[in-house]
Protein backbone atom coordinates (compact mmCIF):
# COMPACT_ATOMS: atom_id res chain seq x y z
CA LEU A 1 91.69 93.31 122.90
CA SER A 2 89.00 94.81 124.96
CA GLU A 3 85.84 94.64 122.10
CA ASN A 4 87.43 90.91 121.20
CA ILE A 5 88.02 89.22 124.44
CA LYS A 6 86.42 86.76 126.48
CA ASP A 7 87.11 87.82 130.56
CA VAL A 8 84.62 91.14 130.52
CA ILE A 9 86.73 94.51 130.92
CA TRP A 10 85.48 97.53 133.34
CA GLU A 11 85.67 100.67 134.58
CA LEU A 12 84.23 102.18 137.66
CA ASP A 13 84.34 105.84 138.99
CA ALA A 14 85.94 105.66 142.22
CA ASP A 15 83.31 108.54 143.82
CA THR A 16 79.53 107.83 142.04
CA PHE A 17 79.98 104.32 141.71
CA LYS A 18 79.14 103.96 137.09
CA PHE A 19 80.49 101.86 135.41
CA THR A 20 82.09 104.44 132.80
CA TYR A 21 83.38 101.31 129.86
CA VAL A 22 82.14 97.74 130.45
CA SER A 23 83.43 95.48 127.79
CA PRO A 24 80.40 93.99 125.29
CA SER A 25 81.76 90.28 126.53
CA VAL A 26 79.96 91.13 129.08
CA PHE A 27 76.76 89.46 127.34
CA ASN A 28 78.44 86.02 126.97
CA LEU A 29 79.48 86.74 130.99
CA ARG A 30 75.61 88.10 131.92
CA GLY A 31 72.93 88.70 129.65
CA TYR A 32 73.49 92.24 129.81
CA THR A 33 74.83 94.29 127.43
CA ALA A 34 76.91 96.36 127.87
CA GLU A 35 74.88 99.87 127.40
CA GLU A 36 72.22 97.92 130.10
CA VAL A 37 75.23 97.24 132.82
CA MET A 38 76.45 100.92 132.09
CA GLU A 39 72.83 102.14 132.86
CA MET A 40 72.92 100.30 136.22
CA PRO A 41 73.74 100.71 139.45
CA PHE A 42 76.92 99.19 140.41
CA SER A 43 75.29 97.45 142.78
CA CYS A 44 73.07 94.87 140.48
CA SER A 45 76.07 94.24 139.07
CA LEU A 46 75.52 91.43 142.30
CA GLU A 47 74.65 89.23 145.36
CA ILE A 48 72.79 91.94 147.79
CA GLU A 49 75.35 90.03 150.81
CA MET A 50 78.48 90.57 148.15
CA PHE A 51 77.30 93.98 147.00
CA LYS A 52 77.99 95.04 151.51
CA ILE A 53 81.29 93.38 151.39
CA VAL A 54 82.99 93.88 147.79
CA LYS A 55 81.48 97.65 148.55
CA GLU A 56 83.13 97.62 151.86
CA LYS A 57 86.67 96.47 150.41
CA ILE A 58 86.15 99.41 147.04
CA SER A 59 85.79 101.61 149.93
CA ARG A 60 88.74 101.12 152.76
CA ARG A 61 91.27 100.06 149.10
CA LEU A 62 90.49 104.18 148.33
CA THR A 63 91.40 105.59 151.28
CA GLU A 64 94.79 103.45 151.71
CA TYR A 65 94.92 104.40 147.72
CA LYS A 66 94.43 108.26 149.03
CA GLU A 67 97.42 107.85 151.93
CA ASN A 68 100.01 106.22 149.35
CA TYR A 69 99.20 102.69 151.17
CA ILE A 70 98.39 101.25 147.81
CA ILE A 71 100.48 101.90 145.08
CA PRO A 72 99.23 102.12 141.34
CA ASP A 73 100.67 99.11 139.66
CA GLU A 74 99.78 97.24 142.76
CA PHE A 75 96.27 94.73 141.90
CA PHE A 76 93.70 92.45 144.28
CA ARG A 77 91.80 89.27 142.64
CA ASN A 78 88.64 88.76 145.04
CA GLU A 79 85.56 85.78 144.33
CA VAL A 80 82.42 87.45 143.24
CA GLN A 81 78.92 85.85 143.28
CA GLN A 82 77.21 88.01 140.21
CA THR A 83 73.70 87.97 139.06
CA THR A 84 72.74 87.36 135.37
CA LYS A 85 69.32 88.74 133.33
CA ASP A 86 68.05 85.04 133.72
CA GLY A 87 67.81 85.41 137.57
CA ARG A 88 71.48 83.23 138.17
CA LEU A 89 74.62 84.21 140.78
CA ILE A 90 77.45 82.98 138.78
CA TRP A 91 81.07 82.33 139.95
CA THR A 92 83.52 85.53 138.85
CA GLU A 93 87.07 85.81 139.68
CA VAL A 94 87.92 89.97 139.50
CA ILE A 95 90.57 91.63 139.61
CA THR A 96 91.36 95.28 140.11
CA ASN A 97 93.37 98.00 140.13
CA TYR A 98 92.85 101.86 141.23
CA PHE A 99 94.24 104.90 139.58
CA VAL A 100 93.96 108.41 138.36
CA ASP A 101 92.28 109.76 135.35
CA GLU A 102 94.97 111.70 133.71
CA GLU A 103 91.82 113.98 131.86
CA THR A 104 89.77 113.95 134.11
CA GLY A 105 92.49 113.00 137.17
CA LYS A 106 89.01 111.50 139.16
CA LEU A 107 90.03 108.52 141.34
CA MET A 108 89.30 105.37 139.16
CA ILE A 109 89.18 100.95 139.85
CA ARG A 110 89.36 99.11 136.38
CA GLY A 111 88.80 95.38 136.73
CA VAL A 112 88.84 92.32 134.54
CA THR A 113 86.03 89.57 135.24
CA ARG A 114 86.71 86.06 134.22
CA ASP A 115 83.91 83.49 134.61
CA ILE A 116 85.13 80.82 137.07
CA GLU A 117 81.64 79.37 137.85
CA GLY A 118 83.11 75.61 136.41
CA ARG A 119 86.05 75.83 138.18
CA LYS A 120 84.26 76.25 141.18
CA LYS A 121 81.23 73.58 140.54
CA GLY A 122 84.83 71.42 140.78
CA GLU A 123 86.03 73.17 143.53
CA GLU A 124 82.52 71.87 145.19
CA ARG A 125 82.63 69.15 143.59
CA LEU A 126 86.52 67.43 144.82
CA LYS A 127 85.32 69.52 148.24
CA LYS A 128 82.76 66.86 149.00
CA ALA A 129 84.52 63.98 147.88
CA TYR A 130 87.02 64.46 149.99
CA GLU A 131 84.54 65.35 153.29
CA GLU A 132 82.79 61.38 151.94
CA TYR A 133 86.84 60.43 151.82
CA LYS A 134 88.06 61.70 155.52
CA THR A 135 84.20 60.39 156.87
CA LEU A 136 84.88 56.55 155.55
CA PHE A 137 88.85 57.08 156.76
CA GLU A 138 87.68 57.91 160.02
CA ASN A 139 85.49 56.01 160.25
CA ALA A 140 86.93 53.28 159.28
CA SER A 141 87.05 49.95 161.32
CA GLU A 142 90.36 48.71 159.85
CA THR A 143 93.91 50.94 161.25
CA ILE A 144 94.47 52.14 157.96
CA ILE A 145 97.74 54.63 157.81
CA LEU A 146 99.34 56.65 154.99
CA ILE A 147 103.02 56.87 155.16
CA GLN A 148 105.09 58.16 153.01
CA ASP A 149 109.08 59.47 153.15
CA GLY A 150 108.91 56.74 155.66
CA ILE A 151 106.90 58.57 157.65
CA ILE A 152 103.67 57.99 159.69
CA LYS A 153 101.84 61.29 157.38
CA LYS A 154 97.53 60.24 158.56
CA PHE A 155 95.51 57.72 159.98
CA ASN A 156 92.40 56.72 161.25
CA LYS A 157 91.02 56.90 165.10
CA ALA A 158 91.15 52.74 164.58
CA ALA A 159 94.55 52.96 164.61
CA LEU A 160 95.17 55.16 167.97
CA LYS A 161 92.60 51.84 169.44
CA LEU A 162 94.55 49.66 167.88
CA THR A 163 98.04 51.10 169.21
CA GLY A 164 97.40 53.11 172.24
CA TYR A 165 98.58 55.64 171.74
CA ASN A 166 97.93 60.00 171.24
CA GLU A 167 97.72 61.44 168.21
CA GLU A 168 101.46 63.33 168.88
CA GLU A 169 102.98 60.42 169.88
CA ILE A 170 102.15 58.84 166.14
CA SER A 171 101.73 62.24 163.96
CA ASP A 172 105.12 62.43 162.37
CA HIS A 173 107.05 59.53 163.85
CA THR A 174 108.81 57.26 160.97
CA PHE A 175 106.94 54.25 160.79
CA LEU A 176 109.93 51.72 161.73
CA GLU A 177 110.44 53.21 165.10
CA TYR A 178 107.54 51.23 166.47
CA VAL A 179 108.10 47.72 164.43
CA LEU A 180 110.11 44.78 166.65
CA PRO A 181 113.59 45.35 165.58
CA GLU A 182 113.38 41.79 163.73
CA PHE A 183 111.19 42.31 160.79
CA ARG A 184 112.00 45.86 160.11
CA GLU A 185 114.41 44.73 157.33
CA THR A 186 110.43 43.04 155.85
CA VAL A 187 108.77 46.40 156.32
CA ILE A 188 111.47 48.24 154.97
CA ASN A 189 111.55 45.83 151.38
CA TYR A 190 107.45 45.59 151.26
CA HIS A 191 107.20 49.11 151.51
CA LYS A 192 109.79 49.97 149.00
CA ARG A 193 108.75 47.77 146.00
CA ARG A 194 105.28 49.16 146.57
CA LEU A 195 106.62 51.91 145.46
CA ASN A 196 107.84 50.73 142.96
CA ASP A 197 104.73 49.13 142.02
CA GLU A 198 105.69 45.45 142.02
CA ILE A 199 103.16 43.10 142.78
CA LEU A 200 102.79 41.53 146.02
CA GLU A 201 101.47 38.54 147.97
CA ASP A 202 98.41 40.38 149.65
CA ARG A 203 99.62 40.61 153.47
CA TYR A 204 102.17 39.91 155.53
CA ASN A 205 102.31 39.73 158.94
CA VAL A 206 104.57 41.62 161.31
CA LYS A 207 105.52 42.54 165.40
CA ILE A 208 104.23 46.18 166.10
CA LYS A 209 104.82 48.03 169.78
CA ILE A 210 101.82 49.47 171.53
CA LYS A 211 101.99 51.81 174.14
CA ASN A 212 102.81 50.45 178.18
CA ASN A 213 106.23 48.77 176.04
CA ASN A 214 103.04 45.73 174.72
CA THR A 215 102.96 44.20 171.29
CA LYS A 216 101.01 42.95 169.58
CA TRP A 217 100.69 40.83 165.88
CA LEU A 218 99.73 42.69 162.14
CA SER A 219 98.55 41.65 159.46
CA VAL A 220 99.62 44.55 156.80
CA SER A 221 98.18 45.14 152.91
CA GLY A 222 98.88 48.47 151.46
CA VAL A 223 98.57 50.40 148.15
CA LYS A 224 100.76 52.94 146.32
CA ILE A 225 99.02 56.26 146.21
CA ILE A 226 99.72 59.56 144.52
CA TRP A 227 99.44 62.01 148.21
CA GLN A 228 100.24 66.14 147.54
CA ASN A 229 101.50 65.01 144.87
CA LYS A 230 104.68 62.76 145.77
CA PRO A 231 104.61 58.22 145.99
CA ALA A 232 102.37 57.22 149.05
CA THR A 233 101.31 54.14 150.13
CA LEU A 234 98.77 53.66 152.70
CA ASN A 235 98.61 50.58 154.55
CA PHE A 236 95.71 48.28 156.24
CA LEU A 237 96.78 46.97 159.48
CA LEU A 238 95.28 44.04 160.63
CA ASP A 239 94.66 42.72 164.54
CA ILE A 240 95.65 38.84 164.51
CA SER A 241 97.54 39.17 167.66
CA GLU A 242 94.33 36.42 169.40
CA LEU A 243 94.64 34.06 166.56
CA LYS A 244 98.35 33.72 166.87
CA ASP A 245 98.35 33.02 170.42
CA ILE A 246 95.97 30.64 169.30
CA GLN A 247 98.55 29.16 166.98
CA GLU A 248 100.92 29.36 169.20
CA LYS A 249 99.23 27.13 172.53
CA LEU A 250 98.25 24.59 169.12
CA ILE A 251 101.41 24.03 168.59
CA LYS A 252 103.13 23.92 171.93
CA GLN A 253 99.79 21.09 172.45
CA ASN A 254 101.07 18.90 169.47
CA GLU A 255 104.81 19.62 170.94
CA GLU A 256 103.48 17.94 174.61
């Protein structure tokens, strides 16, 4: 199995830090033959700073094993950068456990090393995309609020500016508590229909309560999204209070 498996299986003498076995699959991972890896110092397998960290962890775990703080079938998982023959650094996942060789009585480390370079690159792309999204979300001039299960889960800085509330006064509150009673049925209806993927008109108007018992008129639009594996709505709020005031004044003038 070890001769044909894609992952690299190895054993390391815990006292000498010398490999006593390395599977041939190491060639596909690092470009070295198993014989070359077994001949070179353990430190050559890792990036310099990573070697210092790994060596410290191994030393600590060896002490814990000798003092019976670690049981023989306990496994440890770490992500480490390893060197390749052509000078590159690649990310790998290493799973290890500690045991005593029955024949020699020596304390040994057995490990399985897996290539996770693709996964790490994917994580970096996701992280970059999230950071870009976060910057756009937080600095958008339009108020954006994410609602899930009727609860306000996320909002940008513009939401605080619009309402006058601080983060604690909005975060994890039900969105209906800010909506005037006569508009709640409309808001609930739009929210449910959006979650059901119905095609809705672009915007609707609603009146909300803001800080110090004041109110504002908003024009609301939104889209259904999946956030943390559950459906939610991303809502875009536009303050139209001034426009409403102008409309009311014009209506009064016409009535006069």
